[in-house]
């Protein structure tokens, strides 16, 4: 099954007009069967938030919850409000428990930072991370192209499969090592995650711009581009039971119409009812 949604549910006035905040998720869930929660990246959410969101959505609705930035290495020189990784992961597990109990957790998403490159040390970090997440389904999105260069691409995909990671297929501007190509491969028979960020190449690396977050996601996919994605999604559906697709090109209200058009292209949304001797970084062997 192909499920389509958006990143976040609070900033899509085209769906619910001027509805107040408590009414927005129920309105959103009338249009889409999944949502990516990104507030959890900035702070581990109180349990009461997830209890409320679970209660506001239909039984077949699913949440993708972004991992807290302290768990992905984004903080670096910023303060982590947890003194020890054990405390951080314990808090995150407690936070998402209502979603798991309700059977509405599709996966957690570990979006790694651009400086998280393909090294032996970082491979071990991913092993440790996956172990700390226990039996929670986990997807990973890289933001560094080294994981997919010809030297490591197959090793990356094999490692993700062996370690139980859900592969995140990404569409984003091709703007240097801090962006990755489209790699339409599945590493889990259960699920594949697809995130569509747009193709605003000029705005992708403008971190010095005062409004850079909006600038980088300012893009609307045309019908030809969405048709190409329809075909890719149908191929991925042959490899994974569920394919989750979210549009993150939210800067100018483009995500919703793009998601709606892709639903139509899929015929109703695709949902029921809606080289040289080198060290193999992933095993420690030379190949």
C-alpha atoms as a PDB file:
ATOM      1  CA  UNK A   1       0.000   0.000   0.000  1.00  0.00           C
ATOM      2  CA  UNK A   2       1.161   3.502  -0.808  1.00  0.00           C
ATOM      3  CA  UNK A   3       0.299   6.075   1.855  1.00  0.00           C
ATOM      4  CA  UNK A   4       0.674   9.804   1.188  1.00  0.00           C
ATOM      5  CA  UNK A   5       0.889  12.724   3.604  1.00  0.00           C
ATOM      6  CA  UNK A   6       2.739  15.858   4.648  1.00  0.00           C
ATOM      7  CA  UNK A   7       5.387  16.877   7.149  1.00  0.00           C
ATOM      8  CA  UNK A   8       3.514  18.372  10.072  1.00  0.00           C
ATOM      9  CA  UNK A   9      -0.206  19.058  10.315  1.00  0.00           C
ATOM     10  CA  UNK A  10      -0.329  22.567  11.773  1.00  0.00           C
ATOM     11  CA  UNK A  11       0.663  24.812   8.881  1.00  0.00           C
ATOM     12  CA  UNK A  12      -1.569  23.802   5.998  1.00  0.00           C
ATOM     13  CA  UNK A  13      -4.306  26.426   5.930  1.00  0.00           C
ATOM     14  CA  UNK A  14      -5.305  25.264   2.467  1.00  0.00           C
ATOM     15  CA  UNK A  15      -6.739  22.160   4.208  1.00  0.00           C
ATOM     16  CA  UNK A  16      -8.569  23.700   7.146  1.00  0.00           C
ATOM     17  CA  UNK A  17      -8.662  27.463   6.706  1.00  0.00           C
ATOM     18  CA  UNK A  18      -8.713  29.305  10.012  1.00  0.00           C
ATOM     19  CA  UNK A  19      -9.535  26.342  12.254  1.00  0.00           C
ATOM     20  CA  UNK A  20      -8.001  26.579  15.694  1.00  0.00           C
ATOM     21  CA  UNK A  21      -5.055  24.344  16.574  1.00  0.00           C
ATOM     22  CA  UNK A  22      -7.039  21.590  18.348  1.00  0.00           C
ATOM     23  CA  UNK A  23      -9.200  21.121  15.254  1.00  0.00           C
ATOM     24  CA  UNK A  24      -6.428  20.904  12.685  1.00  0.00           C
ATOM     25  CA  UNK A  25      -5.249  17.298  13.006  1.00  0.00           C
ATOM     26  CA  UNK A  26      -8.792  15.872  12.728  1.00  0.00           C
ATOM     27  CA  UNK A  27      -9.303  18.008   9.616  1.00  0.00           C
ATOM     28  CA  UNK A  28      -5.925  16.939   8.216  1.00  0.00           C
ATOM     29  CA  UNK A  29      -6.701  13.241   8.773  1.00  0.00           C
ATOM     30  CA  UNK A  30      -9.757  13.537   6.539  1.00  0.00           C
ATOM     31  CA  UNK A  31      -7.351  14.155   3.640  1.00  0.00           C
ATOM     32  CA  UNK A  32      -4.290  12.033   4.435  1.00  0.00           C
ATOM     33  CA  UNK A  33      -3.667   8.799   6.329  1.00  0.00           C
ATOM     34  CA  UNK A  34      -0.132   9.622   7.545  1.00  0.00           C
ATOM     35  CA  UNK A  35       1.739  12.567   8.998  1.00  0.00           C
ATOM     36  CA  UNK A  36       5.346  13.176   9.938  1.00  0.00           C
ATOM     37  CA  UNK A  37       5.719  14.719  13.402  1.00  0.00           C
ATOM     38  CA  UNK A  38       8.697  17.072  13.302  1.00  0.00           C
ATOM     39  CA  UNK A  39       8.218  18.829  16.663  1.00  0.00           C
ATOM     40  CA  UNK A  40       9.802  15.749  18.259  1.00  0.00           C
ATOM     41  CA  UNK A  41      13.082  16.644  16.536  1.00  0.00           C
ATOM     42  CA  UNK A  42      13.378  19.889  18.493  1.00  0.00           C
ATOM     43  CA  UNK A  43      12.199  18.489  21.836  1.00  0.00           C
ATOM     44  CA  UNK A  44      11.048  15.126  23.136  1.00  0.00           C
ATOM     45  CA  UNK A  45       7.291  15.573  23.238  1.00  0.00           C
ATOM     46  CA  UNK A  46       5.211  15.209  26.390  1.00  0.00           C
ATOM     47  CA  UNK A  47       3.256  11.964  26.523  1.00  0.00           C
ATOM     48  CA  UNK A  48       0.031  13.982  26.692  1.00  0.00           C
ATOM     49  CA  UNK A  49       0.665  15.376  23.193  1.00  0.00           C
ATOM     50  CA  UNK A  50       0.821  11.959  21.599  1.00  0.00           C
ATOM     51  CA  UNK A  51      -2.194  10.778  23.595  1.00  0.00           C
ATOM     52  CA  UNK A  52      -4.154  13.730  22.236  1.00  0.00           C
ATOM     53  CA  UNK A  53      -2.994  13.196  18.645  1.00  0.00           C
ATOM     54  CA  UNK A  54      -3.815   9.491  18.794  1.00  0.00           C
ATOM     55  CA  UNK A  55      -7.317  10.277  20.039  1.00  0.00           C
ATOM     56  CA  UNK A  56      -7.902  12.770  17.214  1.00  0.00           C
ATOM     57  CA  UNK A  57      -7.182  10.402  14.336  1.00  0.00           C
ATOM     58  CA  UNK A  58      -8.926   7.395  12.750  1.00  0.00           C
ATOM     59  CA  UNK A  59      -7.897   3.852  13.575  1.00  0.00           C
ATOM     60  CA  UNK A  60      -5.965   3.388  10.337  1.00  0.00           C
ATOM     61  CA  UNK A  61      -4.016   6.648  10.672  1.00  0.00           C
ATOM     62  CA  UNK A  62      -0.233   6.379  11.086  1.00  0.00           C
ATOM     63  CA  UNK A  63       2.452   8.644  12.542  1.00  0.00           C
ATOM     64  CA  UNK A  64       6.090   8.951  11.494  1.00  0.00           C
ATOM     65  CA  UNK A  65       7.923  10.494  14.454  1.00  0.00           C
ATOM     66  CA  UNK A  66      11.245  12.276  13.921  1.00  0.00           C
ATOM     67  CA  UNK A  67      13.944  11.318  16.383  1.00  0.00           C
ATOM     68  CA  UNK A  68      15.101  14.010  18.785  1.00  0.00           C
ATOM     69  CA  UNK A  69      18.107  15.965  17.494  1.00  0.00           C
ATOM     70  CA  UNK A  70      20.241  14.798  20.397  1.00  0.00           C
ATOM     71  CA  UNK A  71      19.794  11.264  19.088  1.00  0.00           C
ATOM     72  CA  UNK A  72      20.936  12.154  15.574  1.00  0.00           C
ATOM     73  CA  UNK A  73      24.048  14.186  16.390  1.00  0.00           C
ATOM     74  CA  UNK A  74      22.662  17.536  15.293  1.00  0.00           C
ATOM     75  CA  UNK A  75      23.389  19.317  18.562  1.00  0.00           C
ATOM     76  CA  UNK A  76      27.189  19.214  18.501  1.00  0.00           C
ATOM     77  CA  UNK A  77      27.896  22.614  20.097  1.00  0.00           C
ATOM     78  CA  UNK A  78      24.357  23.123  21.399  1.00  0.00           C
ATOM     79  CA  UNK A  79      22.988  22.143  24.775  1.00  0.00           C
ATOM     80  CA  UNK A  80      21.480  18.671  25.137  1.00  0.00           C
ATOM     81  CA  UNK A  81      18.933  18.741  27.928  1.00  0.00           C
ATOM     82  CA  UNK A  82      19.721  15.134  28.770  1.00  0.00           C
ATOM     83  CA  UNK A  83      22.851  14.392  30.761  1.00  0.00           C
ATOM     84  CA  UNK A  84      23.229  10.832  29.486  1.00  0.00           C
ATOM     85  CA  UNK A  85      22.169   8.988  26.325  1.00  0.00           C
ATOM     86  CA  UNK A  86      20.338   6.399  28.422  1.00  0.00           C
ATOM     87  CA  UNK A  87      18.103   9.132  29.851  1.00  0.00           C
ATOM     88  CA  UNK A  88      17.518  10.618  26.409  1.00  0.00           C
ATOM     89  CA  UNK A  89      16.445   7.360  24.799  1.00  0.00           C
ATOM     90  CA  UNK A  90      14.338   6.390  27.805  1.00  0.00           C
ATOM     91  CA  UNK A  91      12.459   9.682  27.551  1.00  0.00           C
ATOM     92  CA  UNK A  92      11.898   9.239  23.826  1.00  0.00           C
ATOM     93  CA  UNK A  93      10.563   5.694  24.275  1.00  0.00           C
ATOM     94  CA  UNK A  94       8.155   6.915  26.961  1.00  0.00           C
ATOM     95  CA  UNK A  95       7.074   9.801  24.745  1.00  0.00           C
ATOM     96  CA  UNK A  96       5.977   7.629  21.807  1.00  0.00           C
ATOM     97  CA  UNK A  97       4.436   4.834  23.875  1.00  0.00           C
ATOM     98  CA  UNK A  98       0.830   6.037  23.356  1.00  0.00           C
ATOM     99  CA  UNK A  99       1.327   5.851  19.585  1.00  0.00           C
ATOM    100  CA  UNK A 100       2.733   2.333  19.833  1.00  0.00           C
ATOM    101  CA  UNK A 101      -0.050   1.183  22.145  1.00  0.00           C
ATOM    102  CA  UNK A 102      -2.619   2.452  19.666  1.00  0.00           C
ATOM    103  CA  UNK A 103      -0.917   0.640  16.776  1.00  0.00           C
ATOM    104  CA  UNK A 104      -0.437   3.949  14.983  1.00  0.00           C
ATOM    105  CA  UNK A 105       3.352   4.215  14.874  1.00  0.00           C
ATOM    106  CA  UNK A 106       4.604   3.635  11.337  1.00  0.00           C
ATOM    107  CA  UNK A 107       8.237   4.353  12.247  1.00  0.00           C
ATOM    108  CA  UNK A 108      10.635   6.798  13.801  1.00  0.00           C
ATOM    109  CA  UNK A 109      12.821   8.797  11.438  1.00  0.00           C
ATOM    110  CA  UNK A 110      16.497   9.395  12.087  1.00  0.00           C
ATOM    111  CA  UNK A 111      17.458  12.274   9.812  1.00  0.00           C
ATOM    112  CA  UNK A 112      21.228  12.444  10.058  1.00  0.00           C
ATOM    113  CA  UNK A 113      23.128  15.735   9.715  1.00  0.00           C
ATOM    114  CA  UNK A 114      25.130  16.696   6.609  1.00  0.00           C
ATOM    115  CA  UNK A 115      28.433  16.093   8.395  1.00  0.00           C
ATOM    116  CA  UNK A 116      27.473  12.483   9.219  1.00  0.00           C
ATOM    117  CA  UNK A 117      29.540  10.861   6.476  1.00  0.00           C
ATOM    118  CA  UNK A 118      30.270   7.253   5.640  1.00  0.00           C
ATOM    119  CA  UNK A 119      32.965   6.211   8.108  1.00  0.00           C
ATOM    120  CA  UNK A 120      33.567   3.183  10.283  1.00  0.00           C
ATOM    121  CA  UNK A 121      32.887   5.270  13.381  1.00  0.00           C
ATOM    122  CA  UNK A 122      29.517   6.416  12.068  1.00  0.00           C
ATOM    123  CA  UNK A 123      28.547   2.890  11.068  1.00  0.00           C
ATOM    124  CA  UNK A 124      29.141   1.876  14.682  1.00  0.00           C
ATOM    125  CA  UNK A 125      27.065   4.846  15.822  1.00  0.00           C
ATOM    126  CA  UNK A 126      24.174   3.532  13.748  1.00  0.00           C
ATOM    127  CA  UNK A 127      24.548   0.082  15.293  1.00  0.00           C
ATOM    128  CA  UNK A 128      24.410   1.593  18.759  1.00  0.00           C
ATOM    129  CA  UNK A 129      21.427   3.753  17.836  1.00  0.00           C
ATOM    130  CA  UNK A 130      19.473   0.830  16.431  1.00  0.00           C
ATOM    131  CA  UNK A 131      20.177  -1.239  19.541  1.00  0.00           C
ATOM    132  CA  UNK A 132      18.942   1.581  21.786  1.00  0.00           C
ATOM    133  CA  UNK A 133      15.709   1.790  19.798  1.00  0.00           C
ATOM    134  CA  UNK A 134      14.998  -1.885  20.535  1.00  0.00           C
ATOM    135  CA  UNK A 135      12.004  -3.127  18.528  1.00  0.00           C
ATOM    136  CA  UNK A 136      10.770   0.296  17.397  1.00  0.00           C
ATOM    137  CA  UNK A 137      10.679   0.509  13.568  1.00  0.00           C
ATOM    138  CA  UNK A 138      13.372   2.974  12.496  1.00  0.00           C
ATOM    139  CA  UNK A 139      13.946   4.739   9.199  1.00  0.00           C
ATOM    140  CA  UNK A 140      17.138   6.559   8.332  1.00  0.00           C
ATOM    141  CA  UNK A 141      17.702   9.519   6.041  1.00  0.00           C
ATOM    142  CA  UNK A 142      21.247  10.477   5.133  1.00  0.00           C
ATOM    143  CA  UNK A 143      22.205  14.020   4.232  1.00  0.00           C
ATOM    144  CA  UNK A 144      25.729  13.203   3.107  1.00  0.00           C
ATOM    145  CA  UNK A 145      26.392  11.815  -0.372  1.00  0.00           C
ATOM    146  CA  UNK A 146      29.314   9.597   0.664  1.00  0.00           C
ATOM    147  CA  UNK A 147      26.910   6.864   1.773  1.00  0.00           C
ATOM    148  CA  UNK A 148      25.816   6.440  -1.843  1.00  0.00           C
ATOM    149  CA  UNK A 149      29.016   6.985  -3.761  1.00  0.00           C
ATOM    150  CA  UNK A 150      30.009   4.002  -5.923  1.00  0.00           C
ATOM    151  CA  UNK A 151      32.505   2.816  -3.337  1.00  0.00           C
ATOM    152  CA  UNK A 152      29.949   2.420  -0.533  1.00  0.00           C
ATOM    153  CA  UNK A 153      26.470   2.369  -2.083  1.00  0.00           C
ATOM    154  CA  UNK A 154      25.868  -1.373  -2.048  1.00  0.00           C
ATOM    155  CA  UNK A 155      27.500  -1.707   1.352  1.00  0.00           C
ATOM    156  CA  UNK A 156      25.223   0.984   2.741  1.00  0.00           C
ATOM    157  CA  UNK A 157      22.082  -0.737   1.489  1.00  0.00           C
ATOM    158  CA  UNK A 158      23.264  -4.150   2.666  1.00  0.00           C
ATOM    159  CA  UNK A 159      24.099  -2.768   6.096  1.00  0.00           C
ATOM    160  CA  UNK A 160      20.696  -1.105   6.460  1.00  0.00           C
ATOM    161  CA  UNK A 161      18.975  -4.342   5.499  1.00  0.00           C
ATOM    162  CA  UNK A 162      21.020  -6.487   7.867  1.00  0.00           C
ATOM    163  CA  UNK A 163      20.570  -4.083  10.784  1.00  0.00           C
ATOM    164  CA  UNK A 164      16.825  -3.681  10.243  1.00  0.00           C
ATOM    165  CA  UNK A 165      16.796  -0.041   9.129  1.00  0.00           C
ATOM    166  CA  UNK A 166      14.019   1.237   6.863  1.00  0.00           C
ATOM    167  CA  UNK A 167      15.549   3.042   3.904  1.00  0.00           C
ATOM    168  CA  UNK A 168      14.436   6.629   3.279  1.00  0.00           C
ATOM    169  CA  UNK A 169      14.374   7.471  -0.413  1.00  0.00           C
ATOM    170  CA  UNK A 170      14.845  11.195  -0.888  1.00  0.00           C
ATOM    171  CA  UNK A 171      14.154  13.707  -3.629  1.00  0.00           C
ATOM    172  CA  UNK A 172      16.137  16.867  -2.980  1.00  0.00           C
ATOM    173  CA  UNK A 173      18.350  19.370  -4.816  1.00  0.00           C
ATOM    174  CA  UNK A 174      21.666  18.006  -6.020  1.00  0.00           C
ATOM    175  CA  UNK A 175      23.890  20.607  -4.413  1.00  0.00           C
ATOM    176  CA  UNK A 176      27.129  18.987  -3.367  1.00  0.00           C
ATOM    177  CA  UNK A 177      28.115  16.458  -0.732  1.00  0.00           C
ATOM    178  CA  UNK A 178      25.426  17.721   1.644  1.00  0.00           C
ATOM    179  CA  UNK A 179      22.675  16.287  -0.513  1.00  0.00           C
ATOM    180  CA  UNK A 180      21.987  12.766  -1.733  1.00  0.00           C
ATOM    181  CA  UNK A 181      20.725  11.363  -5.014  1.00  0.00           C
ATOM    182  CA  UNK A 182      17.457   9.541  -5.539  1.00  0.00           C
ATOM    183  CA  UNK A 183      18.162   5.924  -4.565  1.00  0.00           C
ATOM    184  CA  UNK A 184      14.867   4.059  -5.071  1.00  0.00           C
ATOM    185  CA  UNK A 185      15.813   0.927  -3.140  1.00  0.00           C
ATOM    186  CA  UNK A 186      14.069  -0.879  -0.295  1.00  0.00           C
ATOM    187  CA  UNK A 187      15.930  -2.408   2.641  1.00  0.00           C
ATOM    188  CA  UNK A 188      12.852  -3.689   4.480  1.00  0.00           C
ATOM    189  CA  UNK A 189      10.072  -5.944   3.268  1.00  0.00           C
ATOM    190  CA  UNK A 190       7.761  -4.158   5.689  1.00  0.00           C
ATOM    191  CA  UNK A 191       8.229  -0.506   4.775  1.00  0.00           C
ATOM    192  CA  UNK A 192      10.032   2.091   2.715  1.00  0.00           C
ATOM    193  CA  UNK A 193       9.900   5.810   3.446  1.00  0.00           C
ATOM    194  CA  UNK A 194       9.973   8.511   0.749  1.00  0.00           C
ATOM    195  CA  UNK A 195      10.529  12.204   1.526  1.00  0.00           C
ATOM    196  CA  UNK A 196      10.075  14.808  -1.206  1.00  0.00           C
ATOM    197  CA  UNK A 197      11.889  18.031  -0.339  1.00  0.00           C
ATOM    198  CA  UNK A 198      11.672  19.778  -3.713  1.00  0.00           C
ATOM    199  CA  UNK A 199      14.445  20.713  -6.112  1.00  0.00           C
ATOM    200  CA  UNK A 200      15.347  24.288  -5.245  1.00  0.00           C
ATOM    201  CA  UNK A 201      19.059  23.878  -5.871  1.00  0.00           C
ATOM    202  CA  UNK A 202      19.843  27.574  -5.479  1.00  0.00           C
ATOM    203  CA  UNK A 203      18.261  27.684  -2.036  1.00  0.00           C
ATOM    204  CA  UNK A 204      19.428  24.375  -0.598  1.00  0.00           C
ATOM    205  CA  UNK A 205      22.733  25.495   0.905  1.00  0.00           C
ATOM    206  CA  UNK A 206      21.808  29.081   1.807  1.00  0.00           C
ATOM    207  CA  UNK A 207      22.204  28.552   5.554  1.00  0.00           C
ATOM    208  CA  UNK A 208      23.377  32.145   5.995  1.00  0.00           C
ATOM    209  CA  UNK A 209      20.087  33.482   4.631  1.00  0.00           C
ATOM    210  CA  UNK A 210      17.824  34.766   7.450  1.00  0.00           C
ATOM    211  CA  UNK A 211      14.904  32.715   6.105  1.00  0.00           C
ATOM    212  CA  UNK A 212      16.905  29.763   4.785  1.00  0.00           C
ATOM    213  CA  UNK A 213      14.564  27.052   6.062  1.00  0.00           C
ATOM    214  CA  UNK A 214      11.742  28.422   3.950  1.00  0.00           C
ATOM    215  CA  UNK A 215      14.016  29.162   1.026  1.00  0.00           C
ATOM    216  CA  UNK A 216      15.353  25.627   0.679  1.00  0.00           C
ATOM    217  CA  UNK A 217      11.869  24.038   0.513  1.00  0.00           C
ATOM    218  CA  UNK A 218      10.401  26.561  -1.911  1.00  0.00           C
ATOM    219  CA  UNK A 219       9.428  24.356  -4.837  1.00  0.00           C
ATOM    220  CA  UNK A 220       6.390  22.904  -6.608  1.00  0.00           C
ATOM    221  CA  UNK A 221       6.659  19.604  -8.468  1.00  0.00           C
ATOM    222  CA  UNK A 222       5.147  19.570 -11.937  1.00  0.00           C
ATOM    223  CA  UNK A 223       2.984  16.777 -13.310  1.00  0.00           C
ATOM    224  CA  UNK A 224       5.847  15.171 -15.206  1.00  0.00           C
ATOM    225  CA  UNK A 225       7.966  14.963 -12.058  1.00  0.00           C
ATOM    226  CA  UNK A 226       5.081  13.539 -10.041  1.00  0.00           C
ATOM    227  CA  UNK A 227       4.370  10.975 -12.757  1.00  0.00           C
ATOM    228  CA  UNK A 228       7.970   9.810 -12.507  1.00  0.00           C
ATOM    229  CA  UNK A 229       7.464   9.407  -8.760  1.00  0.00           C
ATOM    230  CA  UNK A 230       4.226   7.510  -9.294  1.00  0.00           C
ATOM    231  CA  UNK A 231       6.149   4.956 -11.313  1.00  0.00           C
ATOM    232  CA  UNK A 232       8.949   4.713  -8.752  1.00  0.00           C
ATOM    233  CA  UNK A 233       6.448   4.249  -5.945  1.00  0.00           C
ATOM    234  CA  UNK A 234       4.725   1.412  -7.747  1.00  0.00           C
ATOM    235  CA  UNK A 235       8.081  -0.298  -8.149  1.00  0.00           C
ATOM    236  CA  UNK A 236       8.891   0.199  -4.469  1.00  0.00           C
ATOM    237  CA  UNK A 237       5.484  -1.220  -3.580  1.00  0.00           C
ATOM    238  CA  UNK A 238       6.648  -4.502  -5.083  1.00  0.00           C
ATOM    239  CA  UNK A 239       9.540  -4.567  -2.601  1.00  0.00           C
ATOM    240  CA  UNK A 240       7.893  -3.315   0.606  1.00  0.00           C
ATOM    241  CA  UNK A 241       4.433  -3.988   1.960  1.00  0.00           C
ATOM    242  CA  UNK A 242       3.898  -0.307   2.790  1.00  0.00           C
ATOM    243  CA  UNK A 243       5.420   2.737   1.121  1.00  0.00           C
ATOM    244  CA  UNK A 244       5.041   5.983   3.071  1.00  0.00           C
ATOM    245  CA  UNK A 245       5.387   9.227   1.112  1.00  0.00           C
ATOM    246  CA  UNK A 246       5.513  12.736   2.579  1.00  0.00           C
ATOM    247  CA  UNK A 247       5.902  16.102   0.900  1.00  0.00           C
ATOM    248  CA  UNK A 248       8.181  18.531   2.708  1.00  0.00           C
ATOM    249  CA  UNK A 249       8.009  21.384   0.185  1.00  0.00           C
ATOM    250  CA  UNK A 250       5.838  23.422   2.532  1.00  0.00           C
ATOM    251  CA  UNK A 251       7.310  26.903   2.189  1.00  0.00           C
ATOM    252  CA  UNK A 252       4.650  28.361  -0.106  1.00  0.00           C
ATOM    253  CA  UNK A 253       1.778  25.911   0.285  1.00  0.00           C
ATOM    254  CA  UNK A 254       2.986  23.588  -2.469  1.00  0.00           C
ATOM    255  CA  UNK A 255       3.020  20.360  -0.453  1.00  0.00           C
ATOM    256  CA  UNK A 256      -0.741  19.878  -0.241  1.00  0.00           C
ATOM    257  CA  UNK A 257      -1.564  20.333  -3.958  1.00  0.00           C
ATOM    258  CA  UNK A 258       1.410  18.154  -4.890  1.00  0.00           C
ATOM    259  CA  UNK A 259       0.257  15.417  -2.501  1.00  0.00           C
ATOM    260  CA  UNK A 260      -3.295  15.627  -3.836  1.00  0.00           C
ATOM    261  CA  UNK A 261      -2.105  15.388  -7.422  1.00  0.00           C
ATOM    262  CA  UNK A 262       0.040  12.368  -6.632  1.00  0.00           C
ATOM    263  CA  UNK A 263      -2.984  10.726  -5.011  1.00  0.00           C
ATOM    264  CA  UNK A 264      -4.888  11.248  -8.247  1.00  0.00           C
ATOM    265  CA  UNK A 265      -2.039   9.918 -10.363  1.00  0.00           C
ATOM    266  CA  UNK A 266      -2.053   6.782  -8.230  1.00  0.00           C
ATOM    267  CA  UNK A 267      -5.779   6.407  -8.738  1.00  0.00           C
ATOM    268  CA  UNK A 268      -7.085   7.439  -5.344  1.00  0.00           C
ATOM    269  CA  UNK A 269      -3.805   7.669  -3.464  1.00  0.00           C
ATOM    270  CA  UNK A 270      -2.838   4.013  -3.700  1.00  0.00           C
ATOM    271  CA  UNK A 271      -4.463   3.463  -0.307  1.00  0.00           C
ATOM    272  CA  UNK A 272      -7.376   1.275   0.667  1.00  0.00           C
ATOM    273  CA  UNK A 273     -10.149   3.816   1.060  1.00  0.00           C
ATOM    274  CA  UNK A 274      -7.961   6.793   0.423  1.00  0.00           C
ATOM    275  CA  UNK A 275      36.991  -1.464  -6.594  1.00  0.00           C
ATOM    276  CA  UNK A 276      40.820  -1.450  -5.316  1.00  0.00           C
ATOM    277  CA  UNK A 277      41.495  -3.173  -2.009  1.00  0.00           C
ATOM    278  CA  UNK A 278      39.572  -1.213   0.583  1.00  0.00           C
ATOM    279  CA  UNK A 279      38.172  -1.606   4.072  1.00  0.00           C
ATOM    280  CA  UNK A 280      34.548  -2.677   4.106  1.00  0.00           C
ATOM    281  CA  UNK A 281      33.272  -0.205   6.692  1.00  0.00           C
ATOM    282  CA  UNK A 282      30.165  -2.210   7.358  1.00  0.00           C
ATOM    283  CA  UNK A 283      31.760  -5.507   8.356  1.00  0.00           C
ATOM    284  CA  UNK A 284      35.373  -4.653   9.188  1.00  0.00           C
ATOM    285  CA  UNK A 285      36.598  -6.950   6.401  1.00  0.00           C
ATOM    286  CA  UNK A 286      38.835  -5.990   3.507  1.00  0.00           C
ATOM    287  CA  UNK A 287      37.276  -6.444   0.072  1.00  0.00           C
END
